[in-house]
């Protein structure tokens, strides 16, 4: 691949770069699938908000109270996004969608983590960029988001929640249009469908997933770390023949790269924040070898 030589571990390569600039420098039809957890609201990963997060003062990030003696992970407050923030989000994902669309082979799938409050904007932007929307993967996971009573009036409105308690995380699934039939596209590019779990079981759109555990979080210091048990399942599915390159253009601590290593796929990560690059250098080997993240047994 073109670009500055990056950090490598097993089948994974990580680059420190702005993802759109990096994508613009890559050849067309060079990537076979994308699995990524982007900055949903854009603003939560800017320098100001990251400084507030690291100092524990919150900002856009909500620091949930401890639960059963366990420190909870911070979560972004998407309800704080202004109309301008939402417009910027849609514009960003349209630009990103066009950049990633160019480097994907026909029939390639992208799986993008999102949030119920903003997923519709991201989906519209990706369709505008030329992708076909293929549905969503529902990650069933109990979180600390939502369910709060009205601020300053808990006792007065004891039976009211302002928002539903979040028990799922949507992952948007889109596909670059294929050439000819799906079978033609599979023969030429190795893409167009999703890899089955087994001969008898297709890949499904609902995956039960626990929150990322404390032991796994100790391996990779990132506020949005997804568990290997979940990531390994969706990374495996994105390459229908088990061949090609998986890209994570918002690599963070490298968890997608680790999942790709685990299932035996070549992968590339791009991350703009040098602090997370340093985290990923240590985290990718640890997460690759993480035993408790083994997904259900796959059989042919």
C-alpha atoms as a PDB file:
ATOM      1  CA  UNK A   1       0.000   0.000   0.000  1.00  0.00           C
ATOM      2  CA  UNK A   2       1.112   3.580  -0.629  1.00  0.00           C
ATOM      3  CA  UNK A   3       1.904   5.905   2.252  1.00  0.00           C
ATOM      4  CA  UNK A   4       4.298   6.147   5.146  1.00  0.00           C
ATOM      5  CA  UNK A   5       5.491   2.784   6.436  1.00  0.00           C
ATOM      6  CA  UNK A   6       3.525   1.961   9.553  1.00  0.00           C
ATOM      7  CA  UNK A   7       3.632  -0.341  12.544  1.00  0.00           C
ATOM      8  CA  UNK A   8       3.158  -4.007  11.669  1.00  0.00           C
ATOM      9  CA  UNK A   9       2.105  -7.003  13.739  1.00  0.00           C
ATOM     10  CA  UNK A  10       1.295 -10.342  12.125  1.00  0.00           C
ATOM     11  CA  UNK A  11      -1.140  -9.539   9.259  1.00  0.00           C
ATOM     12  CA  UNK A  12      -1.946  -5.994  10.456  1.00  0.00           C
ATOM     13  CA  UNK A  13      -0.421  -2.663   9.444  1.00  0.00           C
ATOM     14  CA  UNK A  14      -1.189   0.608  11.239  1.00  0.00           C
ATOM     15  CA  UNK A  15      -0.635   4.103   9.812  1.00  0.00           C
ATOM     16  CA  UNK A  16      -0.606   7.451  11.610  1.00  0.00           C
ATOM     17  CA  UNK A  17      -2.530   9.713   9.238  1.00  0.00           C
ATOM     18  CA  UNK A  18      -5.747  11.590   8.604  1.00  0.00           C
ATOM     19  CA  UNK A  19      -8.015   8.896   7.177  1.00  0.00           C
ATOM     20  CA  UNK A  20      -9.396  10.905   4.246  1.00  0.00           C
ATOM     21  CA  UNK A  21      -5.939  12.123   3.208  1.00  0.00           C
ATOM     22  CA  UNK A  22      -4.692   8.542   3.475  1.00  0.00           C
ATOM     23  CA  UNK A  23      -7.615   7.187   1.449  1.00  0.00           C
ATOM     24  CA  UNK A  24      -7.076   9.805  -1.269  1.00  0.00           C
ATOM     25  CA  UNK A  25      -3.491   8.568  -1.669  1.00  0.00           C
ATOM     26  CA  UNK A  26      -4.456   4.891  -2.155  1.00  0.00           C
ATOM     27  CA  UNK A  27      -5.096   3.137  -5.471  1.00  0.00           C
ATOM     28  CA  UNK A  28      -8.642   2.420  -6.578  1.00  0.00           C
ATOM     29  CA  UNK A  29     -10.134  -1.029  -5.895  1.00  0.00           C
ATOM     30  CA  UNK A  30      -7.483  -1.995  -3.321  1.00  0.00           C
ATOM     31  CA  UNK A  31      -9.601  -2.717  -0.193  1.00  0.00           C
ATOM     32  CA  UNK A  32     -12.101  -5.568   0.222  1.00  0.00           C
ATOM     33  CA  UNK A  33     -14.038  -4.598   3.353  1.00  0.00           C
ATOM     34  CA  UNK A  34     -14.332  -2.010   6.110  1.00  0.00           C
ATOM     35  CA  UNK A  35     -15.108  -2.514   9.802  1.00  0.00           C
ATOM     36  CA  UNK A  36     -14.886   0.660  11.854  1.00  0.00           C
ATOM     37  CA  UNK A  37     -16.117   2.528  14.913  1.00  0.00           C
ATOM     38  CA  UNK A  38     -15.894   6.194  13.842  1.00  0.00           C
ATOM     39  CA  UNK A  39     -16.277   9.365  15.901  1.00  0.00           C
ATOM     40  CA  UNK A  40     -20.087   9.328  15.882  1.00  0.00           C
ATOM     41  CA  UNK A  41     -20.560  12.995  16.659  1.00  0.00           C
ATOM     42  CA  UNK A  42     -17.214  14.222  15.317  1.00  0.00           C
ATOM     43  CA  UNK A  43     -16.792  16.690  18.167  1.00  0.00           C
ATOM     44  CA  UNK A  44     -16.091  14.109  20.890  1.00  0.00           C
ATOM     45  CA  UNK A  45     -12.650  13.344  19.465  1.00  0.00           C
ATOM     46  CA  UNK A  46     -11.440  16.879  18.901  1.00  0.00           C
ATOM     47  CA  UNK A  47      -8.578  18.163  21.045  1.00  0.00           C
ATOM     48  CA  UNK A  48     -10.759  20.155  23.454  1.00  0.00           C
ATOM     49  CA  UNK A  49     -13.120  17.271  24.227  1.00  0.00           C
ATOM     50  CA  UNK A  50     -10.321  14.714  24.498  1.00  0.00           C
ATOM     51  CA  UNK A  51      -8.545  16.949  27.031  1.00  0.00           C
ATOM     52  CA  UNK A  52     -11.756  17.156  29.086  1.00  0.00           C
ATOM     53  CA  UNK A  53     -12.200  13.386  28.872  1.00  0.00           C
ATOM     54  CA  UNK A  54      -8.668  12.663  30.080  1.00  0.00           C
ATOM     55  CA  UNK A  55      -8.979  15.157  32.935  1.00  0.00           C
ATOM     56  CA  UNK A  56     -12.301  13.645  34.013  1.00  0.00           C
ATOM     57  CA  UNK A  57     -14.281  16.866  33.513  1.00  0.00           C
ATOM     58  CA  UNK A  58     -16.570  15.318  30.898  1.00  0.00           C
ATOM     59  CA  UNK A  59     -17.571  17.956  28.366  1.00  0.00           C
ATOM     60  CA  UNK A  60     -19.367  16.078  25.590  1.00  0.00           C
ATOM     61  CA  UNK A  61     -18.334  12.892  27.407  1.00  0.00           C
ATOM     62  CA  UNK A  62     -20.528  11.675  30.266  1.00  0.00           C
ATOM     63  CA  UNK A  63     -18.690   9.922  33.094  1.00  0.00           C
ATOM     64  CA  UNK A  64     -21.251   7.415  34.460  1.00  0.00           C
ATOM     65  CA  UNK A  65     -21.348   6.649  38.187  1.00  0.00           C
ATOM     66  CA  UNK A  66     -19.659   3.497  39.456  1.00  0.00           C
ATOM     67  CA  UNK A  67     -21.898   0.442  39.403  1.00  0.00           C
ATOM     68  CA  UNK A  68     -21.469  -2.515  41.793  1.00  0.00           C
ATOM     69  CA  UNK A  69     -18.008  -1.217  42.633  1.00  0.00           C
ATOM     70  CA  UNK A  70     -16.897  -1.107  38.991  1.00  0.00           C
ATOM     71  CA  UNK A  71     -15.767   2.077  37.272  1.00  0.00           C
ATOM     72  CA  UNK A  72     -17.892   2.635  34.149  1.00  0.00           C
ATOM     73  CA  UNK A  73     -16.498   3.737  30.806  1.00  0.00           C
ATOM     74  CA  UNK A  74     -17.236   7.269  29.541  1.00  0.00           C
ATOM     75  CA  UNK A  75     -19.884   7.657  26.840  1.00  0.00           C
ATOM     76  CA  UNK A  76     -20.518  10.564  24.443  1.00  0.00           C
ATOM     77  CA  UNK A  77     -23.591  12.753  25.012  1.00  0.00           C
ATOM     78  CA  UNK A  78     -25.162  12.816  21.552  1.00  0.00           C
ATOM     79  CA  UNK A  79     -28.071  14.861  22.901  1.00  0.00           C
ATOM     80  CA  UNK A  80     -25.692  17.844  23.224  1.00  0.00           C
ATOM     81  CA  UNK A  81     -25.045  18.037  19.470  1.00  0.00           C
ATOM     82  CA  UNK A  82     -26.298  21.262  17.889  1.00  0.00           C
ATOM     83  CA  UNK A  83     -27.892  21.590  14.455  1.00  0.00           C
ATOM     84  CA  UNK A  84     -24.519  22.716  13.149  1.00  0.00           C
ATOM     85  CA  UNK A  85     -22.826  19.686  14.729  1.00  0.00           C
ATOM     86  CA  UNK A  86     -25.343  17.387  13.025  1.00  0.00           C
ATOM     87  CA  UNK A  87     -24.891  19.141   9.680  1.00  0.00           C
ATOM     88  CA  UNK A  88     -21.109  18.842  10.047  1.00  0.00           C
ATOM     89  CA  UNK A  89     -21.491  15.157  10.893  1.00  0.00           C
ATOM     90  CA  UNK A  90     -23.522  14.511   7.745  1.00  0.00           C
ATOM     91  CA  UNK A  91     -21.064  16.470   5.609  1.00  0.00           C
ATOM     92  CA  UNK A  92     -18.098  14.615   7.075  1.00  0.00           C
ATOM     93  CA  UNK A  93     -19.556  11.160   6.467  1.00  0.00           C
ATOM     94  CA  UNK A  94     -20.518  12.066   2.901  1.00  0.00           C
ATOM     95  CA  UNK A  95     -16.916  13.134   2.245  1.00  0.00           C
ATOM     96  CA  UNK A  96     -15.570  10.058   4.004  1.00  0.00           C
ATOM     97  CA  UNK A  97     -18.002   7.818   2.144  1.00  0.00           C
ATOM     98  CA  UNK A  98     -16.851   9.098  -1.235  1.00  0.00           C
ATOM     99  CA  UNK A  99     -13.197   8.603  -0.270  1.00  0.00           C
ATOM    100  CA  UNK A 100     -13.673   5.036   0.963  1.00  0.00           C
ATOM    101  CA  UNK A 101     -15.997   4.155  -1.935  1.00  0.00           C
ATOM    102  CA  UNK A 102     -13.183   4.849  -4.413  1.00  0.00           C
ATOM    103  CA  UNK A 103     -10.691   2.454  -2.796  1.00  0.00           C
ATOM    104  CA  UNK A 104     -13.132  -0.437  -2.333  1.00  0.00           C
ATOM    105  CA  UNK A 105     -13.523  -3.197  -4.871  1.00  0.00           C
ATOM    106  CA  UNK A 106     -17.050  -3.671  -6.258  1.00  0.00           C
ATOM    107  CA  UNK A 107     -19.237  -5.667  -3.889  1.00  0.00           C
ATOM    108  CA  UNK A 108     -17.223  -4.742  -0.804  1.00  0.00           C
ATOM    109  CA  UNK A 109     -19.158  -4.311   2.445  1.00  0.00           C
ATOM    110  CA  UNK A 110     -18.633  -1.686   5.115  1.00  0.00           C
ATOM    111  CA  UNK A 111     -19.779  -2.144   8.728  1.00  0.00           C
ATOM    112  CA  UNK A 112     -19.946   1.116  10.663  1.00  0.00           C
ATOM    113  CA  UNK A 113     -20.718   1.425  14.378  1.00  0.00           C
ATOM    114  CA  UNK A 114     -23.260   4.115  15.124  1.00  0.00           C
ATOM    115  CA  UNK A 115     -25.795   5.380  17.645  1.00  0.00           C
ATOM    116  CA  UNK A 116     -29.612   5.471  17.341  1.00  0.00           C
ATOM    117  CA  UNK A 117     -29.644   9.280  17.549  1.00  0.00           C
ATOM    118  CA  UNK A 118     -27.314   9.833  14.591  1.00  0.00           C
ATOM    119  CA  UNK A 119     -27.350   6.600  12.569  1.00  0.00           C
ATOM    120  CA  UNK A 120     -29.925   7.939  10.104  1.00  0.00           C
ATOM    121  CA  UNK A 121     -27.620  10.826   9.161  1.00  0.00           C
ATOM    122  CA  UNK A 122     -24.648   8.524   8.664  1.00  0.00           C
ATOM    123  CA  UNK A 123     -26.752   6.126   6.566  1.00  0.00           C
ATOM    124  CA  UNK A 124     -28.032   8.953   4.339  1.00  0.00           C
ATOM    125  CA  UNK A 125     -24.491  10.221   3.823  1.00  0.00           C
ATOM    126  CA  UNK A 126     -23.198   6.792   2.806  1.00  0.00           C
ATOM    127  CA  UNK A 127     -26.045   6.276   0.350  1.00  0.00           C
ATOM    128  CA  UNK A 128     -25.311   9.731  -1.072  1.00  0.00           C
ATOM    129  CA  UNK A 129     -21.694   8.604  -1.518  1.00  0.00           C
ATOM    130  CA  UNK A 130     -22.820   5.714  -3.716  1.00  0.00           C
ATOM    131  CA  UNK A 131     -23.322   2.818  -1.323  1.00  0.00           C
ATOM    132  CA  UNK A 132     -26.306   0.507  -1.121  1.00  0.00           C
ATOM    133  CA  UNK A 133     -27.759   0.244   2.346  1.00  0.00           C
ATOM    134  CA  UNK A 134     -27.959  -3.440   3.276  1.00  0.00           C
ATOM    135  CA  UNK A 135     -29.443  -3.191   6.783  1.00  0.00           C
ATOM    136  CA  UNK A 136     -28.019  -3.069  10.289  1.00  0.00           C
ATOM    137  CA  UNK A 137     -26.332  -5.389  12.716  1.00  0.00           C
ATOM    138  CA  UNK A 138     -27.909  -5.021  16.144  1.00  0.00           C
ATOM    139  CA  UNK A 139     -25.371  -5.496  18.892  1.00  0.00           C
ATOM    140  CA  UNK A 140     -27.484  -6.399  21.913  1.00  0.00           C
ATOM    141  CA  UNK A 141     -25.653  -4.857  24.855  1.00  0.00           C
ATOM    142  CA  UNK A 142     -26.829  -3.267  28.089  1.00  0.00           C
ATOM    143  CA  UNK A 143     -25.276   0.177  28.492  1.00  0.00           C
ATOM    144  CA  UNK A 144     -25.523   3.073  30.949  1.00  0.00           C
ATOM    145  CA  UNK A 145     -26.953   5.407  28.296  1.00  0.00           C
ATOM    146  CA  UNK A 146     -30.527   6.671  28.759  1.00  0.00           C
ATOM    147  CA  UNK A 147     -33.125   5.788  31.346  1.00  0.00           C
ATOM    148  CA  UNK A 148     -32.537   8.900  33.472  1.00  0.00           C
ATOM    149  CA  UNK A 149     -35.397  10.752  35.124  1.00  0.00           C
ATOM    150  CA  UNK A 150     -35.879  14.486  34.326  1.00  0.00           C
ATOM    151  CA  UNK A 151     -32.907  16.483  35.577  1.00  0.00           C
ATOM    152  CA  UNK A 152     -33.667  18.353  38.780  1.00  0.00           C
ATOM    153  CA  UNK A 153     -37.091  16.710  39.105  1.00  0.00           C
ATOM    154  CA  UNK A 154     -36.375  13.063  39.932  1.00  0.00           C
ATOM    155  CA  UNK A 155     -38.881  12.897  42.783  1.00  0.00           C
ATOM    156  CA  UNK A 156     -41.594  14.884  41.009  1.00  0.00           C
ATOM    157  CA  UNK A 157     -41.487  12.626  37.932  1.00  0.00           C
ATOM    158  CA  UNK A 158     -40.374   9.376  39.505  1.00  0.00           C
ATOM    159  CA  UNK A 159     -42.121   7.234  36.859  1.00  0.00           C
ATOM    160  CA  UNK A 160     -40.630   9.072  33.840  1.00  0.00           C
ATOM    161  CA  UNK A 161     -37.478   8.403  31.824  1.00  0.00           C
ATOM    162  CA  UNK A 162     -36.377  11.143  29.426  1.00  0.00           C
ATOM    163  CA  UNK A 163     -34.886   8.593  27.033  1.00  0.00           C
ATOM    164  CA  UNK A 164     -35.131   4.839  26.645  1.00  0.00           C
ATOM    165  CA  UNK A 165     -32.358   2.880  28.339  1.00  0.00           C
ATOM    166  CA  UNK A 166     -30.063   1.785  25.557  1.00  0.00           C
ATOM    167  CA  UNK A 167     -29.885  -1.980  25.185  1.00  0.00           C
ATOM    168  CA  UNK A 168     -28.500  -2.112  21.662  1.00  0.00           C
ATOM    169  CA  UNK A 169     -25.889  -0.578  19.396  1.00  0.00           C
ATOM    170  CA  UNK A 170     -26.610  -0.325  15.643  1.00  0.00           C
ATOM    171  CA  UNK A 171     -23.891  -1.118  13.116  1.00  0.00           C
ATOM    172  CA  UNK A 172     -24.760   0.143   9.648  1.00  0.00           C
ATOM    173  CA  UNK A 173     -24.099  -2.302   6.820  1.00  0.00           C
ATOM    174  CA  UNK A 174     -23.611  -0.951   3.287  1.00  0.00           C
ATOM    175  CA  UNK A 175     -22.213  -2.390   0.077  1.00  0.00           C
ATOM    176  CA  UNK A 176     -20.502  -0.898  -2.936  1.00  0.00           C
ATOM    177  CA  UNK A 177     -22.539  -1.934  -5.996  1.00  0.00           C
ATOM    178  CA  UNK A 178     -21.212  -5.144  -7.546  1.00  0.00           C
ATOM    179  CA  UNK A 179     -20.370  -5.915 -11.153  1.00  0.00           C
ATOM    180  CA  UNK A 180     -22.501  -8.420 -13.052  1.00  0.00           C
ATOM    181  CA  UNK A 181     -24.089 -10.989 -10.753  1.00  0.00           C
ATOM    182  CA  UNK A 182     -23.008 -11.640  -7.175  1.00  0.00           C
ATOM    183  CA  UNK A 183     -21.410 -14.872  -8.383  1.00  0.00           C
ATOM    184  CA  UNK A 184     -19.493 -12.961 -11.089  1.00  0.00           C
ATOM    185  CA  UNK A 185     -18.299 -10.440  -8.507  1.00  0.00           C
ATOM    186  CA  UNK A 186     -17.235 -13.174  -6.057  1.00  0.00           C
ATOM    187  CA  UNK A 187     -15.173 -14.847  -8.758  1.00  0.00           C
ATOM    188  CA  UNK A 188     -13.466 -11.594  -9.810  1.00  0.00           C
ATOM    189  CA  UNK A 189     -13.058  -9.695  -6.523  1.00  0.00           C
ATOM    190  CA  UNK A 190     -13.965 -12.154  -3.746  1.00  0.00           C
ATOM    191  CA  UNK A 191     -16.719  -9.822  -2.532  1.00  0.00           C
ATOM    192  CA  UNK A 192     -20.448  -9.280  -2.836  1.00  0.00           C
ATOM    193  CA  UNK A 193     -21.778 -11.267   0.116  1.00  0.00           C
ATOM    194  CA  UNK A 194     -21.057 -12.044   3.752  1.00  0.00           C
ATOM    195  CA  UNK A 195     -19.242 -15.096   5.094  1.00  0.00           C
ATOM    196  CA  UNK A 196     -21.551 -17.669   6.643  1.00  0.00           C
ATOM    197  CA  UNK A 197     -21.016 -18.864  10.208  1.00  0.00           C
ATOM    198  CA  UNK A 198     -21.254 -22.441   8.930  1.00  0.00           C
ATOM    199  CA  UNK A 199     -22.704 -24.375   6.027  1.00  0.00           C
ATOM    200  CA  UNK A 200     -25.997 -24.531   7.905  1.00  0.00           C
ATOM    201  CA  UNK A 201     -26.000 -21.077   9.520  1.00  0.00           C
ATOM    202  CA  UNK A 202     -25.818 -17.724   7.699  1.00  0.00           C
ATOM    203  CA  UNK A 203     -24.408 -14.628   9.358  1.00  0.00           C
ATOM    204  CA  UNK A 204     -27.242 -12.899  11.230  1.00  0.00           C
ATOM    205  CA  UNK A 205     -28.120  -9.282  11.979  1.00  0.00           C
ATOM    206  CA  UNK A 206     -28.443  -9.669  15.770  1.00  0.00           C
ATOM    207  CA  UNK A 207     -25.413 -10.452  17.948  1.00  0.00           C
ATOM    208  CA  UNK A 208     -25.580 -10.722  21.733  1.00  0.00           C
ATOM    209  CA  UNK A 209     -22.647  -8.915  23.276  1.00  0.00           C
ATOM    210  CA  UNK A 210     -21.603  -8.062  26.815  1.00  0.00           C
ATOM    211  CA  UNK A 211     -19.969  -4.693  27.498  1.00  0.00           C
ATOM    212  CA  UNK A 212     -16.188  -4.730  27.144  1.00  0.00           C
ATOM    213  CA  UNK A 213     -14.891  -6.264  30.360  1.00  0.00           C
ATOM    214  CA  UNK A 214     -12.413  -4.756  32.779  1.00  0.00           C
ATOM    215  CA  UNK A 215      -9.688  -7.274  31.908  1.00  0.00           C
ATOM    216  CA  UNK A 216      -9.967  -6.508  28.197  1.00  0.00           C
ATOM    217  CA  UNK A 217     -10.030  -2.761  28.839  1.00  0.00           C
ATOM    218  CA  UNK A 218      -6.771  -3.136  30.739  1.00  0.00           C
ATOM    219  CA  UNK A 219      -5.190  -4.260  27.455  1.00  0.00           C
ATOM    220  CA  UNK A 220      -6.244  -1.176  25.477  1.00  0.00           C
ATOM    221  CA  UNK A 221      -6.944   2.262  26.955  1.00  0.00           C
ATOM    222  CA  UNK A 222      -9.632   3.638  24.633  1.00  0.00           C
ATOM    223  CA  UNK A 223     -13.049   5.050  25.678  1.00  0.00           C
ATOM    224  CA  UNK A 224     -14.947   3.298  22.865  1.00  0.00           C
ATOM    225  CA  UNK A 225     -13.226  -0.099  22.970  1.00  0.00           C
ATOM    226  CA  UNK A 226     -15.442  -2.861  21.549  1.00  0.00           C
ATOM    227  CA  UNK A 227     -15.037  -6.453  22.790  1.00  0.00           C
ATOM    228  CA  UNK A 228     -13.068  -8.936  20.733  1.00  0.00           C
ATOM    229  CA  UNK A 229     -15.867 -11.493  21.022  1.00  0.00           C
ATOM    230  CA  UNK A 230     -18.091  -9.167  18.958  1.00  0.00           C
ATOM    231  CA  UNK A 231     -15.472  -7.737  16.608  1.00  0.00           C
ATOM    232  CA  UNK A 232     -14.106 -11.134  15.617  1.00  0.00           C
ATOM    233  CA  UNK A 233     -17.563 -12.189  14.439  1.00  0.00           C
ATOM    234  CA  UNK A 234     -18.227  -9.168  12.233  1.00  0.00           C
ATOM    235  CA  UNK A 235     -14.670  -8.958  10.889  1.00  0.00           C
ATOM    236  CA  UNK A 236     -14.889 -12.605   9.855  1.00  0.00           C
ATOM    237  CA  UNK A 237     -18.206 -11.980   8.074  1.00  0.00           C
ATOM    238  CA  UNK A 238     -17.045  -8.973   6.019  1.00  0.00           C
ATOM    239  CA  UNK A 239     -14.835 -11.079   3.688  1.00  0.00           C
ATOM    240  CA  UNK A 240     -17.155 -13.725   2.191  1.00  0.00           C
ATOM    241  CA  UNK A 241     -14.349 -15.973   0.908  1.00  0.00           C
ATOM    242  CA  UNK A 242     -11.944 -15.188   3.742  1.00  0.00           C
ATOM    243  CA  UNK A 243      -9.633 -13.391   1.312  1.00  0.00           C
ATOM    244  CA  UNK A 244      -8.676  -9.734   0.909  1.00  0.00           C
ATOM    245  CA  UNK A 245      -7.843  -6.706   3.047  1.00  0.00           C
ATOM    246  CA  UNK A 246      -9.985  -5.308   5.868  1.00  0.00           C
ATOM    247  CA  UNK A 247      -9.633  -1.586   6.578  1.00  0.00           C
ATOM    248  CA  UNK A 248     -10.351   0.307   9.784  1.00  0.00           C
ATOM    249  CA  UNK A 249      -9.904   4.010   8.942  1.00  0.00           C
ATOM    250  CA  UNK A 250     -10.612   5.052  12.564  1.00  0.00           C
ATOM    251  CA  UNK A 251      -8.364   2.469  14.172  1.00  0.00           C
ATOM    252  CA  UNK A 252      -8.191   3.829  17.730  1.00  0.00           C
ATOM    253  CA  UNK A 253      -6.399   1.264  19.875  1.00  0.00           C
ATOM    254  CA  UNK A 254      -6.306  -1.285  17.047  1.00  0.00           C
ATOM    255  CA  UNK A 255      -9.072  -3.625  18.189  1.00  0.00           C
ATOM    256  CA  UNK A 256     -10.324  -4.281  14.634  1.00  0.00           C
ATOM    257  CA  UNK A 257      -6.776  -5.117  13.527  1.00  0.00           C
ATOM    258  CA  UNK A 258      -6.454  -7.547  16.427  1.00  0.00           C
ATOM    259  CA  UNK A 259      -9.740  -9.200  15.476  1.00  0.00           C
ATOM    260  CA  UNK A 260      -8.532  -9.550  11.883  1.00  0.00           C
ATOM    261  CA  UNK A 261      -5.299 -11.135  13.090  1.00  0.00           C
ATOM    262  CA  UNK A 262      -7.310 -13.608  15.149  1.00  0.00           C
ATOM    263  CA  UNK A 263      -9.375 -14.776  12.153  1.00  0.00           C
ATOM    264  CA  UNK A 264      -6.387 -14.749   9.801  1.00  0.00           C
ATOM    265  CA  UNK A 265      -7.199 -11.715   7.644  1.00  0.00           C
ATOM    266  CA  UNK A 266      -4.839  -9.054   6.356  1.00  0.00           C
ATOM    267  CA  UNK A 267      -5.824  -5.655   7.746  1.00  0.00           C
ATOM    268  CA  UNK A 268      -4.902  -1.986   7.644  1.00  0.00           C
ATOM    269  CA  UNK A 269      -5.651   0.632  10.276  1.00  0.00           C
ATOM    270  CA  UNK A 270      -5.415   4.405  10.026  1.00  0.00           C
ATOM    271  CA  UNK A 271      -5.482   6.611  13.126  1.00  0.00           C
ATOM    272  CA  UNK A 272      -5.010  10.397  13.333  1.00  0.00           C
ATOM    273  CA  UNK A 273      -4.328  10.655  17.085  1.00  0.00           C
ATOM    274  CA  UNK A 274      -0.711   9.808  17.888  1.00  0.00           C
ATOM    275  CA  UNK A 275      -1.654   8.992  21.487  1.00  0.00           C
ATOM    276  CA  UNK A 276      -3.922   6.185  20.302  1.00  0.00           C
ATOM    277  CA  UNK A 277      -1.240   5.002  17.865  1.00  0.00           C
ATOM    278  CA  UNK A 278       1.025   4.484  20.872  1.00  0.00           C
ATOM    279  CA  UNK A 279      -1.759   2.634  22.680  1.00  0.00           C
ATOM    280  CA  UNK A 280      -2.365   0.423  19.635  1.00  0.00           C
ATOM    281  CA  UNK A 281       1.293  -0.582  19.317  1.00  0.00           C
ATOM    282  CA  UNK A 282       1.001  -2.261  22.724  1.00  0.00           C
ATOM    283  CA  UNK A 283      -2.654  -3.264  22.458  1.00  0.00           C
ATOM    284  CA  UNK A 284      -2.813  -5.052  19.089  1.00  0.00           C
ATOM    285  CA  UNK A 285      -0.592  -8.004  20.167  1.00  0.00           C
ATOM    286  CA  UNK A 286      -2.390  -8.274  23.507  1.00  0.00           C
ATOM    287  CA  UNK A 287      -5.872  -8.161  21.997  1.00  0.00           C
ATOM    288  CA  UNK A 288      -4.883 -10.607  19.246  1.00  0.00           C
ATOM    289  CA  UNK A 289      -3.943 -13.141  21.914  1.00  0.00           C
ATOM    290  CA  UNK A 290      -6.888 -12.362  24.202  1.00  0.00           C
ATOM    291  CA  UNK A 291      -8.371 -15.771  25.010  1.00  0.00           C
ATOM    292  CA  UNK A 292     -11.674 -14.662  26.573  1.00  0.00           C
ATOM    293  CA  UNK A 293     -12.628 -12.956  23.315  1.00  0.00           C
ATOM    294  CA  UNK A 294     -13.075 -16.194  21.395  1.00  0.00           C
ATOM    295  CA  UNK A 295     -16.376 -16.140  19.482  1.00  0.00           C
ATOM    296  CA  UNK A 296     -18.631 -19.161  18.997  1.00  0.00           C
ATOM    297  CA  UNK A 297     -16.968 -22.082  17.256  1.00  0.00           C
ATOM    298  CA  UNK A 298     -17.019 -21.770  13.458  1.00  0.00           C
ATOM    299  CA  UNK A 299     -17.442 -24.907  11.391  1.00  0.00           C
ATOM    300  CA  UNK A 300     -17.415 -25.331   7.635  1.00  0.00           C
END
